[in-house]
Amino acid sequence: MMLLPEFVRMARQAVRDLRGQPGGPTPPEVVRRFLWFLPLTDDQARAVALRVR
């Protein structure tokens, strides 16, 4: 899982860039898009999104 830190870095930047954009994805949706290979529940994606803010 050497790429996981890079995926998290990209998700963090995307959450920051997209936060508050009209019609944009929510932070948990961004996390799920970047970490699509992990079976995250909604609560887990929300928890990750809060940590990467």
C-alpha atoms as a PDB file:
ATOM      1  CA  MET A   1       0.000   0.000   0.000  1.00  0.00           C
ATOM      2  CA  MET A   2       2.734   2.425  -0.907  1.00  0.00           C
ATOM      3  CA  LEU A   3       0.261   4.548  -2.869  1.00  0.00           C
ATOM      4  CA  LEU A   4      -2.159   5.066   0.001  1.00  0.00           C
ATOM      5  CA  PRO A   5      -0.374   8.199   1.339  1.00  0.00           C
ATOM      6  CA  GLU A   6      -0.498   9.715  -2.155  1.00  0.00           C
ATOM      7  CA  PHE A   7      -4.212   8.969  -2.501  1.00  0.00           C
ATOM      8  CA  VAL A   8      -4.831  10.585   0.885  1.00  0.00           C
ATOM      9  CA  ARG A   9      -2.804  13.657  -0.125  1.00  0.00           C
ATOM     10  CA  MET A  10      -4.833  14.023  -3.329  1.00  0.00           C
ATOM     11  CA  ALA A  11      -8.107  13.508  -1.451  1.00  0.00           C
ATOM     12  CA  ARG A  12      -7.094  16.177   1.076  1.00  0.00           C
ATOM     13  CA  GLN A  13      -6.416  18.686  -1.701  1.00  0.00           C
ATOM     14  CA  ALA A  14      -9.650  17.802  -3.487  1.00  0.00           C
ATOM     15  CA  VAL A  15     -11.695  18.209  -0.289  1.00  0.00           C
ATOM     16  CA  ARG A  16     -10.135  21.647   0.242  1.00  0.00           C
ATOM     17  CA  ASP A  17     -10.662  22.685  -3.386  1.00  0.00           C
ATOM     18  CA  LEU A  18     -14.257  21.451  -3.652  1.00  0.00           C
ATOM     19  CA  ARG A  19     -15.545  22.420  -0.201  1.00  0.00           C
ATOM     20  CA  GLY A  20     -18.404  24.867  -0.536  1.00  0.00           C
ATOM     21  CA  GLN A  21     -18.620  24.714  -4.329  1.00  0.00           C
ATOM     22  CA  PRO A  22     -22.222  24.907  -5.533  1.00  0.00           C
ATOM     23  CA  GLY A  23     -23.258  21.497  -6.824  1.00  0.00           C
ATOM     24  CA  GLY A  24     -19.913  19.991  -5.831  1.00  0.00           C
ATOM     25  CA  PRO A  25     -19.406  16.698  -4.052  1.00  0.00           C
ATOM     26  CA  THR A  26     -19.420  16.452  -0.282  1.00  0.00           C
ATOM     27  CA  PRO A  27     -16.112  15.667   1.471  1.00  0.00           C
ATOM     28  CA  PRO A  28     -17.140  12.033   2.142  1.00  0.00           C
ATOM     29  CA  GLU A  29     -17.977  11.636  -1.556  1.00  0.00           C
ATOM     30  CA  VAL A  30     -14.515  12.932  -2.479  1.00  0.00           C
ATOM     31  CA  VAL A  31     -12.894  10.470  -0.075  1.00  0.00           C
ATOM     32  CA  ARG A  32     -14.861   7.573  -1.523  1.00  0.00           C
ATOM     33  CA  ARG A  33     -13.821   8.580  -5.065  1.00  0.00           C
ATOM     34  CA  PHE A  34     -10.130   8.656  -4.197  1.00  0.00           C
ATOM     35  CA  LEU A  35     -10.191   5.584  -1.965  1.00  0.00           C
ATOM     36  CA  TRP A  36     -12.569   3.596  -4.178  1.00  0.00           C
ATOM     37  CA  PHE A  37     -10.578   0.407  -3.607  1.00  0.00           C
ATOM     38  CA  LEU A  38     -11.369   0.427   0.133  1.00  0.00           C
ATOM     39  CA  PRO A  39     -14.805  -0.778   1.258  1.00  0.00           C
ATOM     40  CA  LEU A  40     -15.652   2.361   3.256  1.00  0.00           C
ATOM     41  CA  THR A  41     -19.042   2.818   4.872  1.00  0.00           C
ATOM     42  CA  ASP A  42     -20.607   6.280   4.872  1.00  0.00           C
ATOM     43  CA  ASP A  43     -19.520   6.791   8.483  1.00  0.00           C
ATOM     44  CA  GLN A  44     -15.953   5.749   7.720  1.00  0.00           C
ATOM     45  CA  ALA A  45     -15.750   8.034   4.664  1.00  0.00           C
ATOM     46  CA  ARG A  46     -17.094  10.904   6.792  1.00  0.00           C
ATOM     47  CA  ALA A  47     -14.479  10.194   9.501  1.00  0.00           C
ATOM     48  CA  VAL A  48     -11.662  10.168   6.924  1.00  0.00           C
ATOM     49  CA  ALA A  49     -12.962  13.395   5.381  1.00  0.00           C
ATOM     50  CA  LEU A  50     -12.910  15.082   8.778  1.00  0.00           C
ATOM     51  CA  ARG A  51      -9.298  13.995   9.324  1.00  0.00           C
ATOM     52  CA  VAL A  52      -8.034  15.195   5.918  1.00  0.00           C
ATOM     53  CA  ARG A  53      -9.545  18.659   6.117  1.00  0.00           C
END
